[in-house]
Amino acid sequence: MASDADFMEFVADQVAGAGVIRYRRMFGQYALYCDERVVALVCDNRFFVKPTEAGRAILGQVQEEAPFQGARLWFLLEAELEDREALLTLVRATAAALPLPKPKKPRAPRLGKPRA
């Protein structure tokens, strides 16, 4: 089941202010970025936060589940979505604990087949 754009907007509104927030639709689901780091996924209208030691320290006892088949375990947040201040703290700490993505190398130009 794909995630609803309305639910993604709600999540983005809840974490607005944690940093530079953006999200991207991928395969019917969403990846949530904070300061250019993937900090969360929205899959099947459920909110998953990337597991970090900083996040675990903030959440304490947390439910962990795979966001999709074959994925590793992420923190599943349900009722916590309503506590905006705690959510902001969690997203900030998670982003700070993650490295920046490596810069992408420029693609080499494609060489076409010689024409006769």
Protein backbone atom coordinates (compact mmCIF):
# COMPACT_ATOMS: atom_id res chain seq x y z
CA MET A 1 0.00 0.00 0.00
CA ALA A 2 1.38 3.41 -0.91
CA SER A 3 1.59 6.24 1.61
CA ASP A 4 -0.80 9.19 1.33
CA ALA A 5 0.57 12.61 0.43
CA ASP A 6 -1.63 14.07 3.21
CA PHE A 7 0.05 11.89 5.83
CA MET A 8 3.48 12.85 4.52
CA GLU A 9 2.55 16.54 4.70
CA PHE A 10 1.42 16.04 8.31
CA VAL A 11 4.75 14.42 9.20
CA ALA A 12 6.73 17.15 7.42
CA ASP A 13 4.76 19.81 9.30
CA GLN A 14 5.44 18.06 12.61
CA VAL A 15 9.22 18.05 12.05
CA ALA A 16 9.47 21.48 10.40
CA GLY A 17 11.96 23.46 12.42
CA ALA A 18 14.30 20.54 13.13
CA GLY A 19 16.54 21.69 10.28
CA VAL A 20 16.22 21.94 6.53
CA ILE A 21 13.42 19.44 5.91
CA ARG A 22 12.51 17.93 2.57
CA TYR A 23 11.03 14.67 1.43
CA ARG A 24 11.12 12.59 -1.69
CA ARG A 25 8.66 10.05 -3.02
CA MET A 26 10.19 6.69 -3.87
CA PHE A 27 8.28 3.61 -4.96
CA GLY A 28 5.02 4.84 -3.43
CA GLN A 29 6.70 5.62 -0.09
CA TYR A 30 8.69 8.62 1.17
CA ALA A 31 12.16 9.36 2.50
CA LEU A 32 12.40 12.32 4.89
CA TYR A 33 15.60 14.36 4.87
CA CYS A 34 16.88 16.69 7.58
CA ASP A 35 19.92 18.75 6.61
CA GLU A 36 20.48 16.44 3.61
CA ARG A 37 20.55 13.26 5.71
CA VAL A 38 17.87 10.58 5.44
CA VAL A 39 16.47 10.49 8.96
CA ALA A 40 13.11 8.81 8.45
CA LEU A 41 10.87 6.86 6.11
CA VAL A 42 7.12 6.98 5.69
CA CYS A 43 5.94 3.57 4.54
CA ASP A 44 2.30 2.49 4.42
CA ASN A 45 1.36 5.65 6.36
CA ARG A 46 3.65 4.71 9.23
CA PHE A 47 6.62 6.78 10.44
CA PHE A 48 10.01 5.12 10.84
CA VAL A 49 13.10 6.90 12.20
CA LYS A 50 16.58 5.71 11.34
CA PRO A 51 18.03 3.98 14.40
CA THR A 52 20.92 5.74 16.13
CA GLU A 53 22.30 5.61 19.65
CA ALA A 54 21.28 9.25 20.11
CA GLY A 55 17.72 8.41 19.10
CA ARG A 56 17.60 5.39 21.38
CA ALA A 57 18.79 7.55 24.31
CA ILE A 58 15.95 10.02 23.67
CA LEU A 59 13.23 7.43 23.12
CA GLY A 60 14.26 4.86 25.70
CA GLN A 61 11.94 1.90 25.14
CA VAL A 62 11.09 1.94 21.44
CA GLN A 63 9.26 -0.34 19.04
CA GLU A 64 11.44 -1.50 16.16
CA GLU A 65 10.13 -2.84 12.89
CA ALA A 66 11.25 -3.17 9.27
CA PRO A 67 9.65 -0.45 7.13
CA PHE A 68 9.45 -2.81 4.15
CA GLN A 69 10.26 -6.43 3.41
CA GLY A 70 13.98 -7.13 3.53
CA ALA A 71 14.86 -3.89 5.37
CA ARG A 72 16.72 -3.62 8.66
CA LEU A 73 14.85 -2.59 11.79
CA TRP A 74 13.99 1.11 12.22
CA PHE A 75 12.28 2.90 15.12
CA LEU A 76 8.52 2.88 14.56
CA LEU A 77 6.81 5.96 16.00
CA GLU A 78 3.05 6.12 16.35
CA ALA A 79 1.74 8.06 19.35
CA GLU A 80 5.03 9.99 19.43
CA LEU A 81 3.98 11.79 16.24
CA GLU A 82 1.62 13.96 18.29
CA ASP A 83 4.39 15.28 20.57
CA ARG A 84 5.96 17.84 18.25
CA GLU A 85 8.69 19.07 20.65
CA ALA A 86 9.92 15.54 21.39
CA LEU A 87 9.81 14.74 17.68
CA LEU A 88 11.90 17.81 16.83
CA THR A 89 14.49 16.80 19.42
CA LEU A 90 14.60 13.26 18.03
CA VAL A 91 14.97 14.34 14.39
CA ARG A 92 17.70 16.87 15.26
CA ALA A 93 19.65 14.27 17.26
CA THR A 94 19.25 11.64 14.55
CA ALA A 95 20.46 14.02 11.83
CA ALA A 96 23.44 15.07 13.97
CA ALA A 97 24.40 11.43 14.51
CA LEU A 98 24.44 10.62 10.78
CA PRO A 99 27.23 11.48 8.36
CA LEU A 100 26.58 13.70 5.37
CA PRO A 101 26.12 11.73 2.16
CA LYS A 102 29.19 11.43 -0.01
CA PRO A 103 29.21 13.82 -2.95
CA LYS A 104 28.22 12.14 -6.17
CA LYS A 105 30.85 11.83 -8.85
CA PRO A 106 29.94 13.50 -12.13
CA ARG A 107 28.80 11.05 -14.74
CA ALA A 108 31.11 10.36 -17.62
CA PRO A 109 29.60 11.37 -20.93
CA ARG A 110 28.01 8.51 -22.79
CA LEU A 111 29.63 7.67 -26.04
CA GLY A 112 27.16 6.74 -28.71
CA LYS A 113 27.71 4.09 -31.30
CA PRO A 114 29.43 5.33 -34.42
CA ARG A 115 27.00 6.03 -37.20
CA ALA A 116 27.56 4.67 -40.67
